Amino acid sequence: MLNSWFMGTTIYDEIRNAAEIIGLSEKATMETIKRSYRVLVMKWHPDRCGEDQQKCKEMTQKIIEAYQVILDYCNNYEYSFGKEEVERTLSPEERW
């Protein structure tokens, strides 16, 4: 289940928010998605973050959840993050 930063938004907003968290462009490749995710998780992992452990833990969780949103979308649909692409690939019944 997704945390509050994804709740109450449209599917497009969820995907765009997730892409922004991971730092992805609309035409990101799977390789870019995975690399960006790994870099961010390593940066914010609580065991590697020397400062505010709680903030690092929250950021790591946010990054992991954003990555899952992106992976779910990529596994089920075309993976352009442009609004037209997202809305074109999802019928109203498929939106969550």
PDB file of N, CA and C in Angstrom:
ATOM      1  N   MET A   1       0.839  -1.173   0.000  1.00  0.00           N
ATOM      2  CA  MET A   1       0.000   0.000   0.000  1.00  0.00           C
ATOM      3  C   MET A   1       0.889   1.243   0.000  1.00  0.00           C
ATOM      4  N   LEU A   2       0.485   2.228  -0.758  1.00  0.00           N
ATOM      5  CA  LEU A   2       1.276   3.433  -0.893  1.00  0.00           C
ATOM      6  C   LEU A   2       1.027   4.390   0.261  1.00  0.00           C
ATOM      7  N   ASN A   3       2.060   5.139   0.600  1.00  0.00           N
ATOM      8  CA  ASN A   3       1.933   6.133   1.663  1.00  0.00           C
ATOM      9  C   ASN A   3       1.221   7.375   1.169  1.00  0.00           C
ATOM     10  N   SER A   4       1.059   8.340   2.047  1.00  0.00           N
ATOM     11  CA  SER A   4       0.240   9.522   1.783  1.00  0.00           C
ATOM     12  C   SER A   4       0.703  10.358   0.605  1.00  0.00           C
ATOM     13  N   TRP A   5       1.960  10.331   0.237  1.00  0.00           N
ATOM     14  CA  TRP A   5       2.393  11.180  -0.865  1.00  0.00           C
ATOM     15  C   TRP A   5       1.857  10.706  -2.198  1.00  0.00           C
ATOM     16  N   PHE A   6       1.271   9.522  -2.283  1.00  0.00           N
ATOM     17  CA  PHE A   6       0.654   9.052  -3.513  1.00  0.00           C
ATOM     18  C   PHE A   6      -0.864   8.948  -3.410  1.00  0.00           C
ATOM     19  N   MET A   7      -1.416   9.088  -2.229  1.00  0.00           N
ATOM     20  CA  MET A   7      -2.848   8.889  -2.045  1.00  0.00           C
ATOM     21  C   MET A   7      -3.634  10.117  -2.505  1.00  0.00           C
ATOM     22  N   GLY A   8      -4.822   9.887  -3.056  1.00  0.00           N
ATOM     23  CA  GLY A   8      -5.698  10.972  -3.453  1.00  0.00           C
ATOM     24  C   GLY A   8      -5.285  11.661  -4.732  1.00  0.00           C
ATOM     25  N   THR A   9      -4.479  11.001  -5.527  1.00  0.00           N
ATOM     26  CA  THR A   9      -4.037  11.590  -6.785  1.00  0.00           C
ATOM     27  C   THR A   9      -4.488  10.709  -7.940  1.00  0.00           C
ATOM     28  N   THR A  10      -4.445  11.273  -9.138  1.00  0.00           N
ATOM     29  CA  THR A  10      -4.770  10.476 -10.318  1.00  0.00           C
ATOM     30  C   THR A  10      -3.595   9.566 -10.634  1.00  0.00           C
ATOM     31  N   ILE A  11      -3.826   8.586 -11.479  1.00  0.00           N
ATOM     32  CA  ILE A  11      -2.745   7.677 -11.865  1.00  0.00           C
ATOM     33  C   ILE A  11      -1.609   8.453 -12.520  1.00  0.00           C
ATOM     34  N   TYR A  12      -1.951   9.437 -13.346  1.00  0.00           N
ATOM     35  CA  TYR A  12      -0.909  10.253 -13.974  1.00  0.00           C
ATOM     36  C   TYR A  12      -0.090  10.975 -12.907  1.00  0.00           C
ATOM     37  N   ASP A  13      -0.770  11.562 -11.920  1.00  0.00           N
ATOM     38  CA  ASP A  13      -0.059  12.266 -10.851  1.00  0.00           C
ATOM     39  C   ASP A  13       0.829  11.315 -10.060  1.00  0.00           C
ATOM     40  N   GLU A  14       0.344  10.120  -9.784  1.00  0.00           N
ATOM     41  CA  GLU A  14       1.140   9.132  -9.055  1.00  0.00           C
ATOM     42  C   GLU A  14       2.411   8.792  -9.819  1.00  0.00           C
ATOM     43  N   ILE A  15       2.266   8.560 -11.111  1.00  0.00           N
ATOM     44  CA  ILE A  15       3.423   8.195 -11.930  1.00  0.00           C
ATOM     45  C   ILE A  15       4.383   9.374 -12.052  1.00  0.00           C
ATOM     46  N   ARG A  16       3.860  10.568 -12.285  1.00  0.00           N
ATOM     47  CA  ARG A  16       4.722  11.755 -12.388  1.00  0.00           C
ATOM     48  C   ARG A  16       5.433  12.022 -11.062  1.00  0.00           C
ATOM     49  N   ASN A  17       4.725  11.921  -9.943  1.00  0.00           N
ATOM     50  CA  ASN A  17       5.360  12.116  -8.637  1.00  0.00           C
ATOM     51  C   ASN A  17       6.473  11.098  -8.421  1.00  0.00           C
ATOM     52  N   ALA A  18       6.195   9.849  -8.754  1.00  0.00           N
ATOM     53  CA  ALA A  18       7.200   8.799  -8.608  1.00  0.00           C
ATOM     54  C   ALA A  18       8.405   9.077  -9.500  1.00  0.00           C
ATOM     55  N   ALA A  19       8.149   9.489 -10.735  1.00  0.00           N
ATOM     56  CA  ALA A  19       9.242   9.801 -11.665  1.00  0.00           C
ATOM     57  C   ALA A  19      10.071  10.975 -11.154  1.00  0.00           C
ATOM     58  N   GLU A  20       9.427  11.964 -10.578  1.00  0.00           N
ATOM     59  CA  GLU A  20      10.154  13.116 -10.032  1.00  0.00           C
ATOM     60  C   GLU A  20      11.003  12.722  -8.831  1.00  0.00           C
ATOM     61  N   ILE A  21      10.481  11.871  -7.972  1.00  0.00           N
ATOM     62  CA  ILE A  21      11.238  11.417  -6.805  1.00  0.00           C
ATOM     63  C   ILE A  21      12.519  10.721  -7.246  1.00  0.00           C
ATOM     64  N   ILE A  22      12.414   9.909  -8.292  1.00  0.00           N
ATOM     65  CA  ILE A  22      13.573   9.156  -8.772  1.00  0.00           C
ATOM     66  C   ILE A  22      14.402   9.971  -9.766  1.00  0.00           C
ATOM     67  N   GLY A  23      13.867  11.090 -10.231  1.00  0.00           N
ATOM     68  CA  GLY A  23      14.604  11.965 -11.132  1.00  0.00           C
ATOM     69  C   GLY A  23      14.602  11.503 -12.575  1.00  0.00           C
ATOM     70  N   LEU A  24      13.441  11.043 -13.059  1.00  0.00           N
ATOM     71  CA  LEU A  24      13.338  10.488 -14.404  1.00  0.00           C
ATOM     72  C   LEU A  24      12.719  11.469 -15.384  1.00  0.00           C
ATOM     73  N   SER A  25      13.152  11.381 -16.628  1.00  0.00           N
ATOM     74  CA  SER A  25      12.514  12.142 -17.698  1.00  0.00           C
ATOM     75  C   SER A  25      11.365  11.310 -18.260  1.00  0.00           C
ATOM     76  N   GLU A  26      10.568  11.903 -19.139  1.00  0.00           N
ATOM     77  CA  GLU A  26       9.425  11.193 -19.721  1.00  0.00           C
ATOM     78  C   GLU A  26       9.843   9.987 -20.554  1.00  0.00           C
ATOM     79  N   LYS A  27      11.030  10.007 -21.105  1.00  0.00           N
ATOM     80  CA  LYS A  27      11.480   8.924 -21.984  1.00  0.00           C
ATOM     81  C   LYS A  27      12.599   8.092 -21.363  1.00  0.00           C
ATOM     82  N   ALA A  28      12.601   7.960 -20.051  1.00  0.00           N
ATOM     83  CA  ALA A  28      13.638   7.191 -19.362  1.00  0.00           C
ATOM     84  C   ALA A  28      13.588   5.725 -19.775  1.00  0.00           C
ATOM     85  N   THR A  29      14.753   5.125 -19.910  1.00  0.00           N
ATOM     86  CA  THR A  29      14.836   3.696 -20.222  1.00  0.00           C
ATOM     87  C   THR A  29      14.815   2.894 -18.923  1.00  0.00           C
ATOM     88  N   MET A  30      14.592   1.602 -19.022  1.00  0.00           N
ATOM     89  CA  MET A  30      14.615   0.745 -17.831  1.00  0.00           C
ATOM     90  C   MET A  30      15.984   0.805 -17.167  1.00  0.00           C
ATOM     91  N   GLU A  31      17.030   0.864 -17.953  1.00  0.00           N
ATOM     92  CA  GLU A  31      18.382   0.957 -17.398  1.00  0.00           C
ATOM     93  C   GLU A  31      18.542   2.241 -16.580  1.00  0.00           C
ATOM     94  N   THR A  32      18.052   3.348 -17.114  1.00  0.00           N
ATOM     95  CA  THR A  32      18.120   4.626 -16.408  1.00  0.00           C
ATOM     96  C   THR A  32      17.291   4.585 -15.131  1.00  0.00           C
ATOM     97  N   ILE A  33      16.121   3.989 -15.208  1.00  0.00           N
ATOM     98  CA  ILE A  33      15.243   3.874 -14.039  1.00  0.00           C
ATOM     99  C   ILE A  33      15.945   3.102 -12.928  1.00  0.00           C
ATOM    100  N   LYS A  34      16.502   1.942 -13.264  1.00  0.00           N
ATOM    101  CA  LYS A  34      17.184   1.109 -12.267  1.00  0.00           C
ATOM    102  C   LYS A  34      18.408   1.809 -11.689  1.00  0.00           C
ATOM    103  N   ARG A  35      19.191   2.440 -12.553  1.00  0.00           N
ATOM    104  CA  ARG A  35      20.408   3.121 -12.097  1.00  0.00           C
ATOM    105  C   ARG A  35      20.057   4.276 -11.154  1.00  0.00           C
ATOM    106  N   SER A  36      19.074   5.078 -11.527  1.00  0.00           N
ATOM    107  CA  SER A  36      18.664   6.205 -10.681  1.00  0.00           C
ATOM    108  C   SER A  36      18.163   5.718  -9.328  1.00  0.00           C
ATOM    109  N   TYR A  37      17.374   4.652  -9.353  1.00  0.00           N
ATOM    110  CA  TYR A  37      16.861   4.070  -8.112  1.00  0.00           C
ATOM    111  C   TYR A  37      18.012   3.623  -7.210  1.00  0.00           C
ATOM    112  N   ARG A  38      18.955   2.889  -7.769  1.00  0.00           N
ATOM    113  CA  ARG A  38      20.074   2.369  -6.967  1.00  0.00           C
ATOM    114  C   ARG A  38      20.912   3.494  -6.364  1.00  0.00           C
ATOM    115  N   VAL A  39      21.179   4.519  -7.165  1.00  0.00           N
ATOM    116  CA  VAL A  39      21.966   5.654  -6.673  1.00  0.00           C
ATOM    117  C   VAL A  39      21.249   6.326  -5.503  1.00  0.00           C
ATOM    118  N   LEU A  40      19.953   6.554  -5.646  1.00  0.00           N
ATOM    119  CA  LEU A  40      19.199   7.219  -4.580  1.00  0.00           C
ATOM    120  C   LEU A  40      19.086   6.366  -3.323  1.00  0.00           C
ATOM    121  N   VAL A  41      18.862   5.071  -3.488  1.00  0.00           N
ATOM    122  CA  VAL A  41      18.759   4.196  -2.312  1.00  0.00           C
ATOM    123  C   VAL A  41      20.090   4.165  -1.567  1.00  0.00           C
ATOM    124  N   MET A  42      21.193   4.111  -2.303  1.00  0.00           N
ATOM    125  CA  MET A  42      22.502   4.118  -1.651  1.00  0.00           C
ATOM    126  C   MET A  42      22.742   5.454  -0.929  1.00  0.00           C
ATOM    127  N   LYS A  43      22.329   6.545  -1.543  1.00  0.00           N
ATOM    128  CA  LYS A  43      22.516   7.869  -0.945  1.00  0.00           C
ATOM    129  C   LYS A  43      21.720   8.020   0.346  1.00  0.00           C
ATOM    130  N   TRP A  44      20.472   7.545   0.353  1.00  0.00           N
ATOM    131  CA  TRP A  44      19.574   7.791   1.473  1.00  0.00           C
ATOM    132  C   TRP A  44      19.431   6.619   2.436  1.00  0.00           C
ATOM    133  N   HIS A  45      20.092   5.520   2.187  1.00  0.00           N
ATOM    134  CA  HIS A  45      19.947   4.355   3.066  1.00  0.00           C
ATOM    135  C   HIS A  45      20.357   4.740   4.495  1.00  0.00           C
ATOM    136  N   PRO A  46      19.524   4.409   5.481  1.00  0.00           N
ATOM    137  CA  PRO A  46      19.811   4.798   6.869  1.00  0.00           C
ATOM    138  C   PRO A  46      21.175   4.323   7.381  1.00  0.00           C
ATOM    139  N   ASP A  47      21.658   3.190   6.910  1.00  0.00           N
ATOM    140  CA  ASP A  47      22.956   2.689   7.359  1.00  0.00           C
ATOM    141  C   ASP A  47      24.121   3.485   6.776  1.00  0.00           C
ATOM    142  N   ARG A  48      23.881   4.196   5.694  1.00  0.00           N
ATOM    143  CA  ARG A  48      24.944   4.958   5.039  1.00  0.00           C
ATOM    144  C   ARG A  48      24.805   6.452   5.275  1.00  0.00           C
ATOM    145  N   CYS A  49      23.679   6.858   5.765  1.00  0.00           N
ATOM    146  CA  CYS A  49      23.386   8.275   5.976  1.00  0.00           C
ATOM    147  C   CYS A  49      23.818   8.649   7.392  1.00  0.00           C
ATOM    148  N   GLY A  50      24.745   9.554   7.513  1.00  0.00           N
ATOM    149  CA  GLY A  50      25.292   9.874   8.819  1.00  0.00           C
ATOM    150  C   GLY A  50      24.503  10.889   9.621  1.00  0.00           C
ATOM    151  N   GLU A  51      23.598  11.609   8.980  1.00  0.00           N
ATOM    152  CA  GLU A  51      22.933  12.715   9.674  1.00  0.00           C
ATOM    153  C   GLU A  51      21.624  12.278  10.329  1.00  0.00           C
ATOM    154  N   ASP A  52      20.525  12.747   9.835  1.00  0.00           N
ATOM    155  CA  ASP A  52      19.202  12.511  10.404  1.00  0.00           C
ATOM    156  C   ASP A  52      18.688  11.132   9.982  1.00  0.00           C
ATOM    157  N   GLN A  53      18.812  10.156  10.861  1.00  0.00           N
ATOM    158  CA  GLN A  53      18.423   8.780  10.551  1.00  0.00           C
ATOM    159  C   GLN A  53      16.950   8.666  10.169  1.00  0.00           C
ATOM    160  N   GLN A  54      16.084   9.390  10.857  1.00  0.00           N
ATOM    161  CA  GLN A  54      14.651   9.316  10.560  1.00  0.00           C
ATOM    162  C   GLN A  54      14.357   9.857   9.166  1.00  0.00           C
ATOM    163  N   LYS A  55      14.968  10.982   8.817  1.00  0.00           N
ATOM    164  CA  LYS A  55      14.774  11.555   7.483  1.00  0.00           C
ATOM    165  C   LYS A  55      15.281  10.588   6.414  1.00  0.00           C
ATOM    166  N   CYS A  56      16.420   9.975   6.661  1.00  0.00           N
ATOM    167  CA  CYS A  56      16.976   9.012   5.700  1.00  0.00           C
ATOM    168  C   CYS A  56      16.055   7.807   5.540  1.00  0.00           C
ATOM    169  N   LYS A  57      15.510   7.333   6.643  1.00  0.00           N
ATOM    170  CA  LYS A  57      14.588   6.199   6.587  1.00  0.00           C
ATOM    171  C   LYS A  57      13.341   6.561   5.786  1.00  0.00           C
ATOM    172  N   GLU A  58      12.787   7.748   6.027  1.00  0.00           N
ATOM    173  CA  GLU A  58      11.596   8.196   5.297  1.00  0.00           C
ATOM    174  C   GLU A  58      11.881   8.361   3.806  1.00  0.00           C
ATOM    175  N   MET A  59      13.033   8.943   3.482  1.00  0.00           N
ATOM    176  CA  MET A  59      13.396   9.125   2.074  1.00  0.00           C
ATOM    177  C   MET A  59      13.605   7.780   1.382  1.00  0.00           C
ATOM    178  N   THR A  60      14.251   6.845   2.066  1.00  0.00           N
ATOM    179  CA  THR A  60      14.460   5.519   1.484  1.00  0.00           C
ATOM    180  C   THR A  60      13.120   4.862   1.194  1.00  0.00           C
ATOM    181  N   GLN A  61      12.190   4.934   2.126  1.00  0.00           N
ATOM    182  CA  GLN A  61      10.866   4.350   1.924  1.00  0.00           C
ATOM    183  C   GLN A  61      10.144   5.024   0.761  1.00  0.00           C
ATOM    184  N   LYS A  62      10.249   6.333   0.681  1.00  0.00           N
ATOM    185  CA  LYS A  62       9.616   7.090  -0.398  1.00  0.00           C
ATOM    186  C   LYS A  62      10.202   6.683  -1.756  1.00  0.00           C
ATOM    187  N   ILE A  63      11.511   6.518  -1.824  1.00  0.00           N
ATOM    188  CA  ILE A  63      12.186   6.105  -3.062  1.00  0.00           C
ATOM    189  C   ILE A  63      11.751   4.699  -3.457  1.00  0.00           C
ATOM    190  N   ILE A  64      11.703   3.788  -2.501  1.00  0.00           N
ATOM    191  CA  ILE A  64      11.293   2.404  -2.780  1.00  0.00           C
ATOM    192  C   ILE A  64       9.861   2.371  -3.301  1.00  0.00           C
ATOM    193  N   GLU A  65       8.965   3.107  -2.669  1.00  0.00           N
ATOM    194  CA  GLU A  65       7.571   3.123  -3.113  1.00  0.00           C
ATOM    195  C   GLU A  65       7.424   3.772  -4.484  1.00  0.00           C
ATOM    196  N   ALA A  66       8.184   4.826  -4.734  1.00  0.00           N
ATOM    197  CA  ALA A  66       8.152   5.466  -6.057  1.00  0.00           C
ATOM    198  C   ALA A  66       8.639   4.491  -7.122  1.00  0.00           C
ATOM    199  N   TYR A  67       9.690   3.778  -6.827  1.00  0.00           N
ATOM    200  CA  TYR A  67      10.231   2.788  -7.763  1.00  0.00           C
ATOM    201  C   TYR A  67       9.196   1.700  -8.048  1.00  0.00           C
ATOM    202  N   GLN A  68       8.472   1.275  -7.031  1.00  0.00           N
ATOM    203  CA  GLN A  68       7.440   0.249  -7.227  1.00  0.00           C
ATOM    204  C   GLN A  68       6.318   0.760  -8.120  1.00  0.00           C
ATOM    205  N   VAL A  69       5.913   2.012  -7.949  1.00  0.00           N
ATOM    206  CA  VAL A  69       4.894   2.612  -8.818  1.00  0.00           C
ATOM    207  C   VAL A  69       5.376   2.586 -10.265  1.00  0.00           C
ATOM    208  N   ILE A  70       6.626   2.992 -10.476  1.00  0.00           N
ATOM    209  CA  ILE A  70       7.200   3.012 -11.823  1.00  0.00           C
ATOM    210  C   ILE A  70       7.283   1.601 -12.390  1.00  0.00           C
ATOM    211  N   LEU A  71       7.773   0.646 -11.613  1.00  0.00           N
ATOM    212  CA  LEU A  71       7.881  -0.735 -12.101  1.00  0.00           C
ATOM    213  C   LEU A  71       6.523  -1.324 -12.443  1.00  0.00           C
ATOM    214  N   ASP A  72       5.533  -1.089 -11.597  1.00  0.00           N
ATOM    215  CA  ASP A  72       4.190  -1.595 -11.881  1.00  0.00           C
ATOM    216  C   ASP A  72       3.677  -1.040 -13.199  1.00  0.00           C
ATOM    217  N   TYR A  73       3.876   0.241 -13.410  1.00  0.00           N
ATOM    218  CA  TYR A  73       3.446   0.872 -14.660  1.00  0.00           C
ATOM    219  C   TYR A  73       4.215   0.298 -15.846  1.00  0.00           C
ATOM    220  N   CYS A  74       5.530   0.184 -15.716  1.00  0.00           N
ATOM    221  CA  CYS A  74       6.359  -0.319 -16.820  1.00  0.00           C
ATOM    222  C   CYS A  74       6.045  -1.779 -17.150  1.00  0.00           C
ATOM    223  N   ASN A  75       5.730  -2.567 -16.148  1.00  0.00           N
ATOM    224  CA  ASN A  75       5.422  -3.976 -16.380  1.00  0.00           C
ATOM    225  C   ASN A  75       4.059  -4.180 -17.021  1.00  0.00           C
ATOM    226  N   ASN A  76       3.156  -3.227 -16.843  1.00  0.00           N
ATOM    227  CA  ASN A  76       1.798  -3.392 -17.348  1.00  0.00           C
ATOM    228  C   ASN A  76       1.460  -2.541 -18.561  1.00  0.00           C
ATOM    229  N   TYR A  77       2.233  -1.506 -18.807  1.00  0.00           N
ATOM    230  CA  TYR A  77       1.904  -0.564 -19.865  1.00  0.00           C
ATOM    231  C   TYR A  77       3.175  -0.101 -20.551  1.00  0.00           C
ATOM    232  N   GLU A  78       2.991   0.736 -21.585  1.00  0.00           N
ATOM    233  CA  GLU A  78       4.145   1.393 -22.182  1.00  0.00           C
ATOM    234  C   GLU A  78       4.757   2.277 -21.111  1.00  0.00           C
ATOM    235  N   TYR A  79       6.061   2.484 -21.152  1.00  0.00           N
ATOM    236  CA  TYR A  79       6.623   3.270 -20.068  1.00  0.00           C
ATOM    237  C   TYR A  79       7.173   4.633 -20.475  1.00  0.00           C
ATOM    238  N   SER A  80       6.333   5.400 -21.136  1.00  0.00           N
ATOM    239  CA  SER A  80       6.580   6.832 -21.249  1.00  0.00           C
ATOM    240  C   SER A  80       5.795   7.474 -20.117  1.00  0.00           C
ATOM    241  N   PHE A  81       6.368   8.468 -19.477  1.00  0.00           N
ATOM    242  CA  PHE A  81       5.709   9.111 -18.354  1.00  0.00           C
ATOM    243  C   PHE A  81       4.959  10.365 -18.770  1.00  0.00           C
ATOM    244  N   GLY A  82       4.809  10.599 -20.072  1.00  0.00           N
ATOM    245  CA  GLY A  82       4.047  11.737 -20.559  1.00  0.00           C
ATOM    246  C   GLY A  82       2.566  11.547 -20.275  1.00  0.00           C
ATOM    247  N   LYS A  83       1.869  12.627 -20.003  1.00  0.00           N
ATOM    248  CA  LYS A  83       0.454  12.556 -19.633  1.00  0.00           C
ATOM    249  C   LYS A  83      -0.370  11.861 -20.704  1.00  0.00           C
ATOM    250  N   GLU A  84      -0.114  12.181 -21.967  1.00  0.00           N
ATOM    251  CA  GLU A  84      -0.878  11.567 -23.060  1.00  0.00           C
ATOM    252  C   GLU A  84      -0.671  10.055 -23.094  1.00  0.00           C
ATOM    253  N   GLU A  85       0.552   9.616 -22.859  1.00  0.00           N
ATOM    254  CA  GLU A  85       0.852   8.183 -22.879  1.00  0.00           C
ATOM    255  C   GLU A  85       0.172   7.458 -21.726  1.00  0.00           C
ATOM    256  N   VAL A  86       0.243   8.034 -20.550  1.00  0.00           N
ATOM    257  CA  VAL A  86      -0.367   7.397 -19.379  1.00  0.00           C
ATOM    258  C   VAL A  86      -1.869   7.304 -19.557  1.00  0.00           C
ATOM    259  N   GLU A  87      -2.497   8.399 -19.943  1.00  0.00           N
ATOM    260  CA  GLU A  87      -3.953   8.405 -20.070  1.00  0.00           C
ATOM    261  C   GLU A  87      -4.424   7.574 -21.251  1.00  0.00           C
ATOM    262  N   ARG A  88      -3.606   7.460 -22.293  1.00  0.00           N
ATOM    263  CA  ARG A  88      -3.975   6.658 -23.457  1.00  0.00           C
ATOM    264  C   ARG A  88      -3.948   5.166 -23.127  1.00  0.00           C
ATOM    265  N   THR A  89      -3.067   4.739 -22.258  1.00  0.00           N
ATOM    266  CA  THR A  89      -2.904   3.316 -21.988  1.00  0.00           C
ATOM    267  C   THR A  89      -3.820   2.783 -20.899  1.00  0.00           C
ATOM    268  N   LEU A  90      -4.475   3.646 -20.152  1.00  0.00           N
ATOM    269  CA  LEU A  90      -5.312   3.195 -19.045  1.00  0.00           C
ATOM    270  C   LEU A  90      -6.781   3.493 -19.305  1.00  0.00           C
ATOM    271  N   SER A  91      -7.586   2.470 -19.204  1.00  0.00           N
ATOM    272  CA  SER A  91      -9.026   2.683 -19.276  1.00  0.00           C
ATOM    273  C   SER A  91      -9.510   3.102 -17.886  1.00  0.00           C
ATOM    274  N   PRO A  92     -10.703   3.673 -17.778  1.00  0.00           N
ATOM    275  CA  PRO A  92     -11.210   4.071 -16.455  1.00  0.00           C
ATOM    276  C   PRO A  92     -11.265   2.906 -15.466  1.00  0.00           C
ATOM    277  N   GLU A  93     -11.525   1.701 -15.934  1.00  0.00           N
ATOM    278  CA  GLU A  93     -11.602   0.544 -15.038  1.00  0.00           C
ATOM    279  C   GLU A  93     -10.233   0.172 -14.477  1.00  0.00           C
ATOM    280  N   GLU A  94      -9.158   0.508 -15.207  1.00  0.00           N
ATOM    281  CA  GLU A  94      -7.814   0.137 -14.779  1.00  0.00           C
ATOM    282  C   GLU A  94      -7.199   1.132 -13.808  1.00  0.00           C
ATOM    283  N   ARG A  95      -7.772   2.321 -13.716  1.00  0.00           N
ATOM    284  CA  ARG A  95      -7.203   3.338 -12.826  1.00  0.00           C
ATOM    285  C   ARG A  95      -7.462   2.945 -11.380  1.00  0.00           C
ATOM    286  N   TRP A  96      -6.502   3.195 -10.512  1.00  0.00           N
ATOM    287  CA  TRP A  96      -6.714   2.866  -9.117  1.00  0.00           C
ATOM    288  C   TRP A  96      -6.835   4.075  -8.273  1.00  0.00           C
TER     289      TRP A  96
END
